[in-house]
Amino acid sequence: MPSRRRLTRMDILRREIEAIQIYRWEESERLGRDIGRNAAAQQWIRKNAKAFREYWEKRLKEQEEDS
C-alpha cells in the first residue's frame, strides 16, 4: 500500500484559504453580490475558524503520534 504524504501546517493553511474562498462564493451567491475577500475572511474566521483549526490540529497531532 502506498504511503500517504505527510500533512503539514502549510497544507492546513491552504485548506483554510480554500474554505474561505468557498465561503465567499456561497455567501456572495446567496446575497446576490460579491461580499469581498476581507468580509468573507472576517465572517468565516468568526463562524468557522475555531472548529476548523481544532479538527486539523487533531489530525496533525494524530499523524505525529503515528510516526
Protein backbone atom coordinates (compact mmCIF):
# COMPACT_ATOMS: atom_id res chain seq x y z
CA MET A 1 0.00 0.00 0.00
CA PRO A 2 1.48 3.39 -0.95
CA SER A 3 2.24 5.73 1.91
CA ARG A 4 0.31 8.98 2.12
CA ARG A 5 2.10 12.29 2.06
CA ARG A 6 2.50 13.79 5.49
CA LEU A 7 0.18 16.64 6.43
CA THR A 8 1.97 19.92 7.12
CA ARG A 9 0.88 23.21 8.65
CA MET A 10 1.16 24.73 5.16
CA ASP A 11 -1.38 22.14 3.93
CA ILE A 12 -3.74 23.22 6.69
CA LEU A 13 -3.27 26.89 5.77
CA ARG A 14 -4.04 26.10 2.12
CA ARG A 15 -7.22 24.27 3.14
CA GLU A 16 -8.26 27.20 5.30
CA ILE A 17 -7.76 29.65 2.43
CA GLU A 18 -9.75 27.37 0.14
CA ALA A 19 -12.56 27.15 2.72
CA ILE A 20 -12.68 30.96 2.91
CA GLN A 21 -12.84 31.21 -0.87
CA ILE A 22 -15.73 28.73 -0.97
CA TYR A 23 -17.46 30.64 1.81
CA ARG A 24 -17.06 33.89 -0.14
CA TRP A 25 -18.56 32.35 -3.26
CA GLU A 26 -21.51 30.77 -1.39
CA GLU A 27 -22.32 33.92 0.59
CA SER A 28 -21.96 36.12 -2.50
CA GLU A 29 -24.34 33.85 -4.41
CA ARG A 30 -26.80 33.84 -1.51
CA LEU A 31 -26.77 37.64 -1.24
CA GLY A 32 -26.62 38.30 -4.97
CA ARG A 33 -23.47 40.41 -4.69
CA ASP A 34 -19.77 39.92 -4.06
CA ILE A 35 -19.12 40.25 -0.34
CA GLY A 36 -15.39 40.73 -0.93
CA ARG A 37 -12.31 38.91 0.27
CA ASN A 38 -11.88 40.77 3.56
CA ALA A 39 -15.50 40.46 4.66
CA ALA A 40 -15.54 36.78 3.71
CA ALA A 41 -12.37 36.12 5.69
CA GLN A 42 -13.63 38.00 8.74
CA GLN A 43 -17.01 36.24 8.69
CA TRP A 44 -15.51 32.80 8.06
CA ILE A 45 -13.00 33.25 10.87
CA ARG A 46 -15.73 34.34 13.29
CA LYS A 47 -18.05 31.46 12.31
CA ASN A 48 -15.74 28.57 11.42
CA ALA A 49 -12.07 29.04 12.29
CA LYS A 50 -12.12 27.54 15.79
CA ALA A 51 -13.71 24.24 14.77
CA PHE A 52 -11.67 24.08 11.55
CA ARG A 53 -8.39 24.56 13.36
CA GLU A 54 -9.28 22.14 16.17
CA TYR A 55 -10.12 19.46 13.60
CA TRP A 56 -6.89 19.88 11.63
CA GLU A 57 -4.70 20.25 14.72
CA LYS A 58 -6.11 16.93 15.95
CA ARG A 59 -5.31 15.29 12.61
CA LEU A 60 -1.79 16.72 12.70
CA LYS A 61 -1.24 15.50 16.26
CA GLU A 62 -2.51 12.01 15.39
CA GLN A 63 -0.13 11.90 12.45
CA GLU A 64 2.80 12.86 14.68
CA GLU A 65 1.85 10.18 17.21
CA ASP A 66 1.71 7.53 14.47
CA SER A 67 5.24 8.38 13.34
